[in-house]
Amino acid sequence: MHKTGITRQASISASLVLFNTPQDQIASLLHSVENSQWKIRLIIVDNSPTNALEQECKGHEYHFMGANLGFGKGHNYAIKQVQSDFHVLLNPDISFEPDLLDQLITPMLQDPSVVGCSPKVLYPDGRLQRLTKLLPTPANLFARRFLPPLGAVLDYNYELQWMNPDQRLELSNASGCFFAFRTAIFKKINGFDERFFMYMEDIDLTRRMAQEGRLLYIPEAVVIHAHAKESYKNKKLLLIHLKSAQLYFSKWGWFFDKIRKQSNKKILAQKIK
């Protein structure tokens, strides 16, 4: 049952990209989707080498791609299938309560300038995941991977560690693990840049989206994310991450990025004194 009349007038879609995903993760996420107070049209794109996961996705729109298209290209394919008011990007390792989307969609219904909303993200043990960040500089990404002491110093601002996690904040960089936005805005900016196979495609997307309106961090909306920084453990994924970083900074600017400078200044102006 929806909490307000206005929410019943909005159509919601969501997309999920799979690649050899553990079945228990899929089951947990689908439980959250199916118990949501919103009716959600879920498009599932399976990049796995076989369609063995199809049985886990019964009751939803399942598309077996037969090849690993990558994260962004998979979500682009899914969103081309829908004509909704709002869309939600989902990671398979997410779970959430039935009223979550009320918290994320209502700000967009109430304020046309808000084009996307990001939740508070917690580890399964309740710790805060610092996924709300500034737009990265090369120093941010490379120091935290290869010079951890320097990375830890830079992370104070980069990860918005000064932020009160229980207060709303305007963003320009939101995590793609769970992100709700106006479908029309996603399509206006042509969705994900498909040159990114994996990693940093969500930074590229949300910074472009922030140029179309306001992105908000909504602390009342809470999701659980079993996140595991795989590129820190797997050399192949590390190389993919580095390639994505090279593409990102070549696209937007390594040291001279006017949008980054203006955006980060705006976010830091919200800093707790």
Protein backbone atom coordinates (compact mmCIF):
# COMPACT_ATOMS: atom_id res chain seq x y z
CA MET A 1 0.00 0.00 0.00
CA HIS A 2 1.43 3.38 -0.97
CA LYS A 3 1.72 6.06 1.66
CA THR A 4 0.47 8.98 -0.43
CA GLY A 5 -1.80 9.49 -3.40
CA ILE A 6 0.92 11.20 -5.44
CA THR A 7 3.18 8.16 -5.43
CA ARG A 8 0.51 6.01 -7.05
CA GLN A 9 0.60 8.27 -10.10
CA ALA A 10 4.27 7.60 -10.90
CA SER A 11 5.63 4.64 -12.86
CA ILE A 12 8.82 3.00 -11.61
CA SER A 13 11.25 0.80 -13.50
CA ALA A 14 14.52 -0.75 -12.39
CA SER A 15 17.41 -2.55 -14.02
CA LEU A 16 19.75 -5.25 -12.79
CA VAL A 17 22.85 -6.53 -14.60
CA LEU A 18 24.07 -10.04 -13.75
CA PHE A 19 27.34 -11.83 -14.42
CA ASN A 20 27.76 -15.24 -12.76
CA THR A 21 25.96 -13.74 -9.78
CA PRO A 22 25.46 -15.90 -6.65
CA GLN A 23 21.88 -17.16 -6.52
CA ASP A 24 21.39 -16.12 -2.89
CA GLN A 25 22.17 -12.50 -3.82
CA ILE A 26 19.58 -12.56 -6.59
CA ALA A 27 16.98 -14.10 -4.29
CA SER A 28 17.59 -11.47 -1.58
CA LEU A 29 17.36 -8.56 -4.01
CA LEU A 30 14.22 -9.90 -5.71
CA HIS A 31 12.62 -10.32 -2.28
CA SER A 32 13.23 -6.60 -1.66
CA VAL A 33 11.89 -5.61 -5.09
CA GLU A 34 8.78 -7.77 -4.79
CA ASN A 35 7.98 -6.48 -1.30
CA SER A 36 8.42 -2.83 -2.18
CA GLN A 37 5.47 -0.51 -1.58
CA TRP A 38 5.93 0.55 -5.18
CA LYS A 39 5.10 -1.57 -8.19
CA ILE A 40 8.49 -1.94 -9.90
CA ARG A 41 8.99 -3.13 -13.47
CA LEU A 42 12.34 -4.91 -13.22
CA ILE A 43 14.44 -5.52 -16.34
CA ILE A 44 17.20 -8.11 -15.77
CA VAL A 45 20.14 -8.23 -18.18
CA ASP A 46 22.25 -11.37 -17.83
CA ASN A 47 25.80 -11.04 -19.14
CA SER A 48 26.76 -14.53 -17.91
CA PRO A 49 28.17 -17.13 -20.33
CA THR A 50 25.03 -19.30 -19.92
CA ASN A 51 21.41 -18.61 -18.99
CA ALA A 52 21.61 -20.76 -15.85
CA LEU A 53 20.34 -17.83 -13.73
CA GLU A 54 17.09 -17.51 -15.67
CA GLN A 55 15.20 -19.73 -13.21
CA GLU A 56 16.16 -17.37 -10.37
CA CYS A 57 14.57 -14.43 -12.20
CA LYS A 58 11.06 -15.78 -12.73
CA GLY A 59 8.35 -13.16 -12.59
CA HIS A 60 10.56 -10.44 -14.05
CA GLU A 61 11.72 -9.48 -17.55
CA TYR A 62 14.84 -11.51 -18.20
CA HIS A 63 17.21 -10.86 -21.13
CA PHE A 64 20.09 -13.26 -21.75
CA MET A 65 22.79 -11.44 -23.72
CA GLY A 66 25.18 -14.32 -24.45
CA ALA A 67 28.21 -12.10 -23.81
CA ASN A 68 29.53 -9.78 -21.12
CA LEU A 69 28.44 -6.35 -22.34
CA GLY A 70 29.69 -4.56 -19.25
CA PHE A 71 27.78 -2.74 -16.51
CA GLY A 72 26.83 0.46 -18.31
CA LYS A 73 25.93 -1.12 -21.64
CA GLY A 74 23.75 -3.66 -19.84
CA HIS A 75 21.81 -0.94 -18.00
CA ASN A 76 21.50 1.10 -21.21
CA TYR A 77 19.95 -1.92 -22.92
CA ALA A 78 17.46 -2.33 -20.06
CA ILE A 79 16.41 1.31 -19.93
CA LYS A 80 15.76 1.37 -23.67
CA GLN A 81 12.93 -1.08 -22.94
CA VAL A 82 11.05 1.28 -20.58
CA GLN A 83 9.04 4.50 -20.64
CA SER A 84 8.80 5.14 -16.90
CA ASP A 85 8.73 8.30 -14.81
CA PHE A 86 11.57 7.14 -12.56
CA HIS A 87 14.21 4.45 -12.82
CA VAL A 88 16.42 2.70 -10.28
CA LEU A 89 19.85 1.21 -10.90
CA LEU A 90 20.34 -1.92 -8.80
CA ASN A 91 23.35 -4.01 -7.86
CA PRO A 92 22.60 -7.67 -7.11
CA ASP A 93 24.27 -7.44 -3.66
CA ILE A 94 21.65 -4.96 -2.35
CA SER A 95 18.69 -5.37 -0.01
CA PHE A 96 16.21 -2.78 1.24
CA GLU A 97 12.98 -2.23 3.18
CA PRO A 98 9.53 -1.92 1.53
CA ASP A 99 9.26 1.86 2.08
CA LEU A 100 12.68 2.74 0.65
CA LEU A 101 11.47 4.13 -2.65
CA ASP A 102 9.02 6.45 -0.91
CA GLN A 103 12.04 8.18 0.59
CA LEU A 104 13.92 8.43 -2.73
CA ILE A 105 11.12 9.25 -5.17
CA THR A 106 9.18 11.76 -3.06
CA PRO A 107 11.88 14.50 -3.25
CA MET A 108 11.72 14.30 -7.06
CA LEU A 109 7.93 14.41 -7.04
CA GLN A 110 7.99 17.45 -4.77
CA ASP A 111 10.77 19.40 -6.52
CA PRO A 112 11.21 19.37 -10.32
CA SER A 113 14.82 20.57 -9.95
CA VAL A 114 15.79 17.27 -8.28
CA VAL A 115 16.76 14.76 -10.97
CA GLY A 116 18.29 11.97 -8.88
CA CYS A 117 18.45 10.67 -5.30
CA SER A 118 21.02 8.47 -3.59
CA PRO A 119 20.43 6.53 -0.34
CA LYS A 120 22.56 5.97 2.74
CA VAL A 121 24.48 2.74 2.08
CA LEU A 122 25.46 0.43 4.94
CA TYR A 123 27.53 -2.72 5.19
CA PRO A 124 25.62 -5.77 6.47
CA ASP A 125 27.10 -5.13 9.95
CA GLY A 126 25.63 -1.60 10.00
CA ARG A 127 28.78 0.39 9.24
CA LEU A 128 28.48 3.31 6.85
CA GLN A 129 29.87 2.82 3.35
CA ARG A 130 31.44 6.06 2.18
CA LEU A 131 30.15 5.97 -1.37
CA THR A 132 29.12 9.63 -1.37
CA LYS A 133 32.18 11.44 -2.74
CA LEU A 134 33.54 14.45 -4.55
CA LEU A 135 34.43 14.15 -8.22
CA PRO A 136 37.84 12.44 -8.16
CA THR A 137 41.20 13.86 -9.08
CA PRO A 138 43.96 11.53 -10.31
CA ALA A 139 45.63 11.97 -6.91
CA ASN A 140 42.52 10.71 -5.10
CA LEU A 141 42.33 7.46 -7.03
CA PHE A 142 45.98 6.61 -7.41
CA ALA A 143 47.04 7.59 -3.88
CA ARG A 144 44.36 5.50 -2.19
CA ARG A 145 45.40 2.47 -4.26
CA PHE A 146 49.20 2.83 -4.32
CA LEU A 147 50.05 5.31 -1.49
CA PRO A 148 47.53 4.48 1.26
CA PRO A 149 48.89 6.96 3.88
CA LEU A 150 48.46 9.88 1.44
CA GLY A 151 45.17 8.43 0.24
CA ALA A 152 43.86 8.39 3.80
CA VAL A 153 44.64 12.12 4.18
CA LEU A 154 43.00 13.00 0.87
CA ASP A 155 39.98 10.84 1.68
CA TYR A 156 38.83 13.22 4.43
CA ASN A 157 37.42 15.56 1.81
CA TYR A 158 37.11 13.12 -1.11
CA GLU A 159 34.85 10.75 0.87
CA LEU A 160 33.08 13.64 2.61
CA GLN A 161 34.13 12.22 5.98
CA TRP A 162 33.09 15.53 7.56
CA MET A 163 29.52 14.92 6.44
CA ASN A 164 26.77 14.28 8.97
CA PRO A 165 25.45 10.98 7.54
CA ASP A 166 21.96 11.82 8.85
CA GLN A 167 21.58 15.12 6.97
CA ARG A 168 20.65 15.68 3.34
CA LEU A 169 23.40 16.83 1.01
CA GLU A 170 23.60 17.91 -2.60
CA LEU A 171 25.88 15.72 -4.73
CA SER A 172 27.60 15.52 -8.08
CA ASN A 173 28.92 11.96 -7.72
CA ALA A 174 26.56 9.17 -6.69
CA SER A 175 27.18 5.43 -6.55
CA GLY A 176 25.56 3.23 -9.19
CA CYS A 177 25.02 0.39 -6.70
CA PHE A 178 21.59 1.91 -5.97
CA PHE A 179 20.52 5.17 -7.56
CA ALA A 180 17.04 6.52 -8.39
CA PHE A 181 16.55 9.17 -11.07
CA ARG A 182 14.21 10.64 -13.64
CA THR A 183 14.17 8.30 -16.61
CA ALA A 184 13.80 11.21 -19.04
CA ILE A 185 17.02 12.80 -17.78
CA PHE A 186 18.95 9.54 -18.25
CA LYS A 187 17.72 9.31 -21.82
CA LYS A 188 18.38 13.01 -22.49
CA ILE A 189 22.08 12.59 -21.67
CA ASN A 190 22.23 9.28 -23.62
CA GLY A 191 22.72 7.11 -20.56
CA PHE A 192 25.99 5.46 -19.67
CA ASP A 193 29.08 6.04 -21.77
CA GLU A 194 29.55 2.49 -23.08
CA ARG A 195 33.30 2.94 -23.48
CA PHE A 196 33.51 2.19 -19.75
CA PHE A 197 33.31 -1.59 -19.41
CA MET A 198 33.28 -1.52 -15.61
CA TYR A 199 34.25 1.03 -12.92
CA MET A 200 33.81 4.82 -13.01
CA GLU A 201 30.87 4.69 -15.41
CA ASP A 202 28.60 5.79 -12.55
CA ILE A 203 30.83 8.80 -11.77
CA ASP A 204 30.73 9.80 -15.44
CA LEU A 205 26.94 9.35 -15.56
CA THR A 206 26.06 11.19 -12.37
CA ARG A 207 28.32 14.17 -13.03
CA ARG A 208 26.53 14.61 -16.38
CA MET A 209 23.18 14.19 -14.65
CA ALA A 210 24.13 16.84 -12.07
CA GLN A 211 24.50 19.32 -14.92
CA GLU A 212 20.78 18.80 -15.67
CA GLY A 213 19.50 19.36 -12.12
CA ARG A 214 20.13 18.55 -8.48
CA LEU A 215 21.29 15.21 -7.07
CA LEU A 216 20.49 14.61 -3.41
CA TYR A 217 21.81 12.27 -0.74
CA ILE A 218 18.75 11.10 1.24
CA PRO A 219 19.81 9.64 4.62
CA GLU A 220 16.32 8.42 5.54
CA ALA A 221 16.59 5.97 2.65
CA VAL A 222 18.84 3.07 3.72
CA VAL A 223 20.11 0.12 1.68
CA ILE A 224 22.36 -2.75 2.72
CA HIS A 225 25.23 -3.39 0.31
CA ALA A 226 27.55 -6.42 0.59
CA HIS A 227 30.35 -4.50 -1.13
CA ALA A 228 33.76 -6.15 -1.54
CA LYS A 229 36.23 -3.87 -3.44
CA GLU A 230 37.11 -6.68 -5.83
CA SER A 231 39.65 -4.62 -7.81
CA TYR A 232 41.80 -4.47 -4.68
CA LYS A 233 42.03 -8.28 -4.66
CA ASN A 234 42.03 -9.24 -8.35
CA LYS A 235 44.81 -8.11 -10.70
CA LYS A 236 42.61 -8.42 -13.80
CA LEU A 237 39.95 -6.20 -12.25
CA LEU A 238 42.63 -3.76 -11.11
CA LEU A 239 43.78 -3.40 -14.72
CA ILE A 240 40.17 -2.79 -15.82
CA HIS A 241 39.86 -0.15 -13.07
CA LEU A 242 43.05 1.58 -14.18
CA LYS A 243 41.89 1.54 -17.81
CA SER A 244 38.59 3.12 -16.75
CA ALA A 245 40.45 5.79 -14.78
CA GLN A 246 42.57 6.60 -17.83
CA LEU A 247 39.45 6.89 -19.97
CA TYR A 248 37.66 9.03 -17.39
CA PHE A 249 40.46 11.57 -16.92
CA SER A 250 41.20 11.67 -20.65
CA LYS A 251 37.54 12.52 -21.20
CA TRP A 252 37.13 15.14 -18.48
CA GLY A 253 40.64 16.40 -17.80
CA TRP A 254 43.52 15.11 -15.73
CA PHE A 255 44.54 18.31 -13.98
CA PHE A 256 42.36 20.97 -15.61
CA ASP A 257 38.71 20.04 -15.16
CA LYS A 258 36.59 23.17 -14.73
CA ILE A 259 33.39 21.25 -13.99
CA ARG A 260 35.14 19.19 -11.30
CA LYS A 261 36.58 22.31 -9.69
CA GLN A 262 33.23 24.13 -9.62
CA SER A 263 31.28 21.08 -8.51
CA ASN A 264 33.64 20.10 -5.70
CA LYS A 265 33.73 23.69 -4.45
CA LYS A 266 29.93 23.67 -4.30
CA ILE A 267 29.85 20.37 -2.39
CA LEU A 268 32.56 21.47 0.04
CA ALA A 269 30.59 24.66 0.76
CA GLN A 270 28.19 22.37 2.64
CA LYS A 271 31.02 21.27 4.91
CA ILE A 272 30.29 21.16 8.62
CA LYS A 273 32.11 24.02 10.32
